[in-house]
Amino acid sequence: MAEPQIVDLSQLPGVPCPCGIARRAFADNASFPGTIHLTEISAAAETHYHKTLTETYYVLECSAGAGIELDGTIHPVKQGTCILIPPGVRHRAVGNMKILNIVFPKFDPADEFLD
């Protein structure tokens, strides 16, 4: 049986990504099929997509007028918004925000493609 695991996301090292800086948890936990990321998104976020990963963004905080661009259409977001992003959907955050990103299967940097 798997053991419980507690992680302070804010204490994990930040890794640059097309969105900004991600702090990724549970990549080394074989009993959990995904990863959880605390991501600080900058206004310079780049459009990208994944061929196999499904991402779920939960907006913790964001600047006024923030949005999510999904396949070229910008949708407004606010604190508490949750966005499901299936594989193949080109996406980027618009504006500064902090999100919790739930990724299945486990995040793989080789499955991150820029246009």
N, C-alpha and C. Protein backbone atom coordinates (compact mmCIF):
# COMPACT_ATOMS: atom_id res chain seq x y z
N MET A 1 0.84 -1.18 0.00
CA MET A 1 0.00 0.00 0.00
C MET A 1 0.88 1.25 0.00
N ALA A 2 0.48 2.25 -0.76
CA ALA A 2 1.24 3.49 -0.87
C ALA A 2 1.16 4.30 0.42
N GLU A 3 2.21 5.02 0.71
CA GLU A 3 2.27 5.89 1.88
C GLU A 3 1.78 7.29 1.51
N PRO A 4 1.12 7.98 2.42
CA PRO A 4 0.75 9.37 2.17
C PRO A 4 2.01 10.22 1.97
N GLN A 5 1.86 11.32 1.26
CA GLN A 5 3.00 12.20 1.02
C GLN A 5 2.51 13.64 1.15
N ILE A 6 3.26 14.44 1.88
CA ILE A 6 2.93 15.85 2.05
C ILE A 6 4.05 16.67 1.43
N VAL A 7 3.67 17.65 0.58
CA VAL A 7 4.65 18.49 -0.10
C VAL A 7 4.24 19.95 0.07
N ASP A 8 5.18 20.81 0.41
CA ASP A 8 4.95 22.25 0.43
C ASP A 8 5.38 22.76 -0.95
N LEU A 9 4.40 22.97 -1.83
CA LEU A 9 4.69 23.38 -3.21
C LEU A 9 5.54 24.64 -3.26
N SER A 10 5.31 25.56 -2.34
CA SER A 10 6.04 26.82 -2.37
C SER A 10 7.53 26.64 -2.08
N GLN A 11 7.91 25.51 -1.51
CA GLN A 11 9.31 25.26 -1.18
C GLN A 11 10.05 24.44 -2.24
N LEU A 12 9.34 23.97 -3.25
CA LEU A 12 10.00 23.21 -4.32
C LEU A 12 10.76 24.16 -5.24
N PRO A 13 11.83 23.68 -5.88
CA PRO A 13 12.56 24.55 -6.80
C PRO A 13 11.70 24.90 -8.02
N GLY A 14 11.79 26.14 -8.46
CA GLY A 14 11.06 26.58 -9.65
C GLY A 14 11.79 26.17 -10.91
N VAL A 15 11.02 25.73 -11.89
CA VAL A 15 11.56 25.29 -13.18
C VAL A 15 10.96 26.18 -14.27
N PRO A 16 11.79 26.79 -15.13
CA PRO A 16 11.23 27.59 -16.22
C PRO A 16 10.37 26.73 -17.16
N CYS A 17 9.26 27.30 -17.62
CA CYS A 17 8.38 26.64 -18.58
C CYS A 17 7.83 27.71 -19.52
N PRO A 18 7.11 27.33 -20.60
CA PRO A 18 6.59 28.35 -21.52
C PRO A 18 5.65 29.35 -20.85
N CYS A 19 5.12 29.00 -19.69
CA CYS A 19 4.18 29.88 -18.98
C CYS A 19 4.89 30.83 -18.03
N GLY A 20 5.98 30.40 -17.44
CA GLY A 20 6.67 31.18 -16.42
C GLY A 20 7.54 30.28 -15.58
N ILE A 21 7.16 30.08 -14.31
CA ILE A 21 7.92 29.22 -13.40
C ILE A 21 6.96 28.21 -12.76
N ALA A 22 7.32 26.92 -12.85
CA ALA A 22 6.50 25.84 -12.29
C ALA A 22 7.24 25.16 -11.15
N ARG A 23 6.51 24.81 -10.11
CA ARG A 23 7.03 24.02 -8.99
C ARG A 23 6.23 22.72 -9.02
N ARG A 24 6.90 21.63 -9.37
CA ARG A 24 6.22 20.37 -9.70
C ARG A 24 6.39 19.33 -8.59
N ALA A 25 5.26 18.73 -8.21
CA ALA A 25 5.26 17.73 -7.14
C ALA A 25 4.79 16.37 -7.65
N PHE A 26 5.25 15.34 -6.99
CA PHE A 26 4.83 13.95 -7.13
C PHE A 26 5.34 13.24 -8.39
N ALA A 27 6.29 13.84 -9.09
CA ALA A 27 6.87 13.17 -10.26
C ALA A 27 7.57 11.87 -9.86
N ASP A 28 8.08 11.83 -8.64
CA ASP A 28 8.82 10.66 -8.17
C ASP A 28 7.96 9.68 -7.39
N ASN A 29 6.65 9.93 -7.33
CA ASN A 29 5.74 9.05 -6.59
C ASN A 29 5.09 8.06 -7.57
N ALA A 30 5.58 6.83 -7.58
CA ALA A 30 5.12 5.83 -8.55
C ALA A 30 3.65 5.46 -8.37
N SER A 31 3.08 5.68 -7.19
CA SER A 31 1.69 5.30 -6.96
C SER A 31 0.69 6.38 -7.40
N PHE A 32 1.19 7.57 -7.76
CA PHE A 32 0.30 8.65 -8.22
C PHE A 32 0.51 8.84 -9.71
N PRO A 33 -0.57 8.78 -10.51
CA PRO A 33 -0.41 8.77 -11.97
C PRO A 33 -0.20 10.12 -12.64
N GLY A 34 -0.12 11.19 -11.85
CA GLY A 34 0.03 12.52 -12.43
C GLY A 34 1.06 13.34 -11.69
N THR A 35 1.06 14.64 -11.97
CA THR A 35 1.87 15.59 -11.24
C THR A 35 1.01 16.81 -10.92
N ILE A 36 1.39 17.52 -9.87
CA ILE A 36 0.70 18.73 -9.45
C ILE A 36 1.73 19.86 -9.51
N HIS A 37 1.36 20.96 -10.16
CA HIS A 37 2.29 22.08 -10.33
C HIS A 37 1.69 23.35 -9.75
N LEU A 38 2.47 24.08 -9.00
CA LEU A 38 2.14 25.44 -8.63
C LEU A 38 2.89 26.31 -9.63
N THR A 39 2.15 27.01 -10.49
CA THR A 39 2.79 27.74 -11.59
C THR A 39 2.48 29.22 -11.49
N GLU A 40 3.55 30.01 -11.53
CA GLU A 40 3.42 31.47 -11.60
C GLU A 40 3.59 31.85 -13.06
N ILE A 41 2.49 32.32 -13.65
CA ILE A 41 2.46 32.62 -15.07
C ILE A 41 2.74 34.09 -15.30
N SER A 42 3.64 34.36 -16.23
CA SER A 42 3.99 35.74 -16.55
C SER A 42 3.19 36.22 -17.76
N ALA A 43 3.16 37.53 -17.95
CA ALA A 43 2.44 38.11 -19.08
C ALA A 43 3.07 37.68 -20.42
N ALA A 44 4.30 37.16 -20.38
CA ALA A 44 4.99 36.73 -21.59
C ALA A 44 4.79 35.24 -21.88
N ALA A 45 3.77 34.62 -21.32
CA ALA A 45 3.53 33.18 -21.54
C ALA A 45 3.41 32.88 -23.03
N GLU A 46 3.98 31.76 -23.44
CA GLU A 46 4.00 31.37 -24.86
C GLU A 46 2.91 30.34 -25.16
N THR A 47 2.36 30.43 -26.36
CA THR A 47 1.39 29.43 -26.81
C THR A 47 2.13 28.10 -26.97
N HIS A 48 1.52 27.05 -26.44
CA HIS A 48 2.12 25.71 -26.53
C HIS A 48 1.01 24.68 -26.48
N TYR A 49 1.39 23.41 -26.70
CA TYR A 49 0.43 22.31 -26.61
C TYR A 49 1.17 21.05 -26.23
N HIS A 50 0.39 20.03 -25.89
CA HIS A 50 0.92 18.73 -25.51
C HIS A 50 0.21 17.68 -26.35
N LYS A 51 0.93 16.65 -26.75
CA LYS A 51 0.32 15.58 -27.56
C LYS A 51 -0.35 14.52 -26.69
N THR A 52 0.12 14.33 -25.46
CA THR A 52 -0.46 13.28 -24.61
C THR A 52 -0.98 13.78 -23.27
N LEU A 53 -0.50 14.91 -22.79
CA LEU A 53 -0.87 15.40 -21.47
C LEU A 53 -2.21 16.11 -21.46
N THR A 54 -2.99 15.87 -20.42
CA THR A 54 -4.18 16.65 -20.12
C THR A 54 -3.84 17.51 -18.92
N GLU A 55 -4.12 18.81 -19.04
CA GLU A 55 -3.85 19.73 -17.94
C GLU A 55 -5.17 20.29 -17.41
N THR A 56 -5.21 20.53 -16.12
CA THR A 56 -6.34 21.21 -15.50
C THR A 56 -5.76 22.38 -14.73
N TYR A 57 -6.10 23.59 -15.17
CA TYR A 57 -5.66 24.80 -14.48
C TYR A 57 -6.74 25.22 -13.49
N TYR A 58 -6.33 25.48 -12.26
CA TYR A 58 -7.22 26.09 -11.27
C TYR A 58 -6.59 27.42 -10.90
N VAL A 59 -7.28 28.53 -11.18
CA VAL A 59 -6.73 29.87 -10.97
C VAL A 59 -6.82 30.23 -9.48
N LEU A 60 -5.64 30.41 -8.88
CA LEU A 60 -5.56 30.81 -7.47
C LEU A 60 -5.65 32.33 -7.33
N GLU A 61 -4.98 33.03 -8.24
CA GLU A 61 -5.03 34.48 -8.27
C GLU A 61 -4.63 34.94 -9.67
N CYS A 62 -5.11 36.13 -10.07
CA CYS A 62 -4.78 36.64 -11.39
C CYS A 62 -4.97 38.15 -11.44
N SER A 63 -4.33 38.75 -12.43
CA SER A 63 -4.46 40.19 -12.64
C SER A 63 -5.81 40.49 -13.29
N ALA A 64 -6.24 41.73 -13.16
CA ALA A 64 -7.48 42.17 -13.79
C ALA A 64 -7.36 41.97 -15.31
N GLY A 65 -8.42 41.48 -15.93
CA GLY A 65 -8.42 41.27 -17.37
C GLY A 65 -7.70 40.01 -17.83
N ALA A 66 -7.34 39.13 -16.90
CA ALA A 66 -6.63 37.90 -17.25
C ALA A 66 -7.54 36.98 -18.06
N GLY A 67 -6.91 36.11 -18.84
CA GLY A 67 -7.68 35.17 -19.64
C GLY A 67 -6.87 33.93 -19.96
N ILE A 68 -7.51 32.99 -20.62
CA ILE A 68 -6.85 31.79 -21.12
C ILE A 68 -7.17 31.71 -22.61
N GLU A 69 -6.14 31.59 -23.41
CA GLU A 69 -6.33 31.43 -24.85
C GLU A 69 -6.32 29.94 -25.17
N LEU A 70 -7.41 29.47 -25.76
CA LEU A 70 -7.56 28.06 -26.14
C LEU A 70 -7.83 28.01 -27.63
N ASP A 71 -6.89 27.44 -28.39
CA ASP A 71 -7.02 27.35 -29.85
C ASP A 71 -7.42 28.69 -30.48
N GLY A 72 -6.77 29.77 -30.02
CA GLY A 72 -6.95 31.08 -30.63
C GLY A 72 -8.06 31.94 -30.05
N THR A 73 -8.88 31.40 -29.18
CA THR A 73 -9.97 32.17 -28.57
C THR A 73 -9.62 32.47 -27.11
N ILE A 74 -9.70 33.74 -26.74
CA ILE A 74 -9.40 34.14 -25.36
C ILE A 74 -10.68 34.13 -24.54
N HIS A 75 -10.62 33.45 -23.39
CA HIS A 75 -11.74 33.35 -22.46
C HIS A 75 -11.33 34.05 -21.17
N PRO A 76 -12.18 34.91 -20.61
CA PRO A 76 -11.83 35.57 -19.35
C PRO A 76 -11.77 34.56 -18.20
N VAL A 77 -10.87 34.82 -17.26
CA VAL A 77 -10.76 34.00 -16.06
C VAL A 77 -10.71 34.91 -14.85
N LYS A 78 -11.00 34.34 -13.70
CA LYS A 78 -10.90 35.04 -12.43
C LYS A 78 -10.51 34.00 -11.38
N GLN A 79 -10.22 34.46 -10.20
CA GLN A 79 -9.89 33.54 -9.11
C GLN A 79 -11.01 32.51 -8.98
N GLY A 80 -10.63 31.23 -8.91
CA GLY A 80 -11.60 30.15 -8.78
C GLY A 80 -12.00 29.50 -10.08
N THR A 81 -11.56 30.06 -11.22
CA THR A 81 -11.86 29.45 -12.52
C THR A 81 -11.06 28.16 -12.67
N CYS A 82 -11.68 27.14 -13.26
CA CYS A 82 -11.02 25.87 -13.53
C CYS A 82 -11.13 25.57 -15.02
N ILE A 83 -10.02 25.22 -15.66
CA ILE A 83 -9.98 25.01 -17.11
C ILE A 83 -9.39 23.63 -17.40
N LEU A 84 -10.11 22.82 -18.15
CA LEU A 84 -9.62 21.51 -18.58
C LEU A 84 -9.04 21.67 -19.98
N ILE A 85 -7.77 21.29 -20.17
CA ILE A 85 -7.08 21.46 -21.45
C ILE A 85 -6.66 20.09 -21.95
N PRO A 86 -7.43 19.52 -22.92
CA PRO A 86 -7.09 18.20 -23.45
C PRO A 86 -5.84 18.25 -24.35
N PRO A 87 -5.24 17.10 -24.62
CA PRO A 87 -4.10 17.05 -25.53
C PRO A 87 -4.46 17.69 -26.87
N GLY A 88 -3.48 18.37 -27.46
CA GLY A 88 -3.64 18.96 -28.79
C GLY A 88 -4.19 20.38 -28.78
N VAL A 89 -4.72 20.86 -27.66
CA VAL A 89 -5.27 22.21 -27.61
C VAL A 89 -4.12 23.19 -27.39
N ARG A 90 -3.96 24.12 -28.33
CA ARG A 90 -2.95 25.16 -28.18
C ARG A 90 -3.47 26.16 -27.14
N HIS A 91 -2.60 26.49 -26.18
CA HIS A 91 -3.06 27.31 -25.08
C HIS A 91 -1.95 28.19 -24.53
N ARG A 92 -2.40 29.27 -23.89
CA ARG A 92 -1.51 30.15 -23.13
C ARG A 92 -2.38 30.99 -22.22
N ALA A 93 -1.79 31.37 -21.10
CA ALA A 93 -2.46 32.28 -20.19
C ALA A 93 -2.18 33.70 -20.67
N VAL A 94 -3.16 34.57 -20.47
CA VAL A 94 -3.04 35.98 -20.84
C VAL A 94 -3.09 36.79 -19.54
N GLY A 95 -2.01 37.48 -19.24
CA GLY A 95 -1.92 38.23 -18.00
C GLY A 95 -1.18 37.43 -16.94
N ASN A 96 -0.88 38.08 -15.85
CA ASN A 96 -0.18 37.42 -14.74
C ASN A 96 -1.18 36.62 -13.92
N MET A 97 -0.78 35.42 -13.54
CA MET A 97 -1.63 34.63 -12.66
C MET A 97 -0.83 33.55 -11.95
N LYS A 98 -1.41 33.04 -10.90
CA LYS A 98 -0.86 31.88 -10.19
C LYS A 98 -1.91 30.81 -10.27
N ILE A 99 -1.50 29.61 -10.71
CA ILE A 99 -2.44 28.51 -10.89
C ILE A 99 -1.93 27.25 -10.20
N LEU A 100 -2.85 26.37 -9.93
CA LEU A 100 -2.55 24.99 -9.58
C LEU A 100 -2.83 24.21 -10.85
N ASN A 101 -1.86 23.47 -11.35
CA ASN A 101 -1.99 22.72 -12.59
C ASN A 101 -1.91 21.23 -12.25
N ILE A 102 -2.98 20.51 -12.55
CA ILE A 102 -3.04 19.07 -12.31
C ILE A 102 -2.85 18.40 -13.65
N VAL A 103 -1.80 17.58 -13.77
CA VAL A 103 -1.38 17.03 -15.07
C VAL A 103 -1.46 15.51 -15.05
N PHE A 104 -2.13 14.95 -16.06
CA PHE A 104 -2.20 13.49 -16.26
C PHE A 104 -1.91 13.16 -17.70
N PRO A 105 -1.12 12.14 -18.00
CA PRO A 105 -0.26 11.41 -17.07
C PRO A 105 0.82 12.33 -16.52
N LYS A 106 1.82 11.78 -15.85
CA LYS A 106 2.87 12.60 -15.27
C LYS A 106 3.47 13.53 -16.31
N PHE A 107 3.79 14.76 -15.89
CA PHE A 107 4.40 15.74 -16.79
C PHE A 107 5.67 15.19 -17.40
N ASP A 108 5.81 15.41 -18.70
CA ASP A 108 7.00 15.01 -19.45
C ASP A 108 7.42 16.20 -20.29
N PRO A 109 8.59 16.80 -20.03
CA PRO A 109 9.01 17.98 -20.80
C PRO A 109 9.16 17.71 -22.29
N ALA A 110 9.31 16.45 -22.67
CA ALA A 110 9.40 16.12 -24.10
C ALA A 110 8.04 16.24 -24.79
N ASP A 111 6.95 16.38 -24.01
CA ASP A 111 5.62 16.52 -24.58
C ASP A 111 5.14 17.97 -24.46
N GLU A 112 6.03 18.90 -24.70
CA GLU A 112 5.70 20.32 -24.65
C GLU A 112 6.18 20.94 -25.96
N PHE A 113 5.25 21.44 -26.76
CA PHE A 113 5.57 21.91 -28.11
C PHE A 113 5.14 23.36 -28.28
N LEU A 114 6.05 24.18 -28.81
CA LEU A 114 5.77 25.57 -29.13
C LEU A 114 5.43 25.68 -30.61
N ASP A 115 4.57 26.63 -30.94
CA ASP A 115 4.27 26.87 -32.36
C ASP A 115 5.37 27.67 -33.01
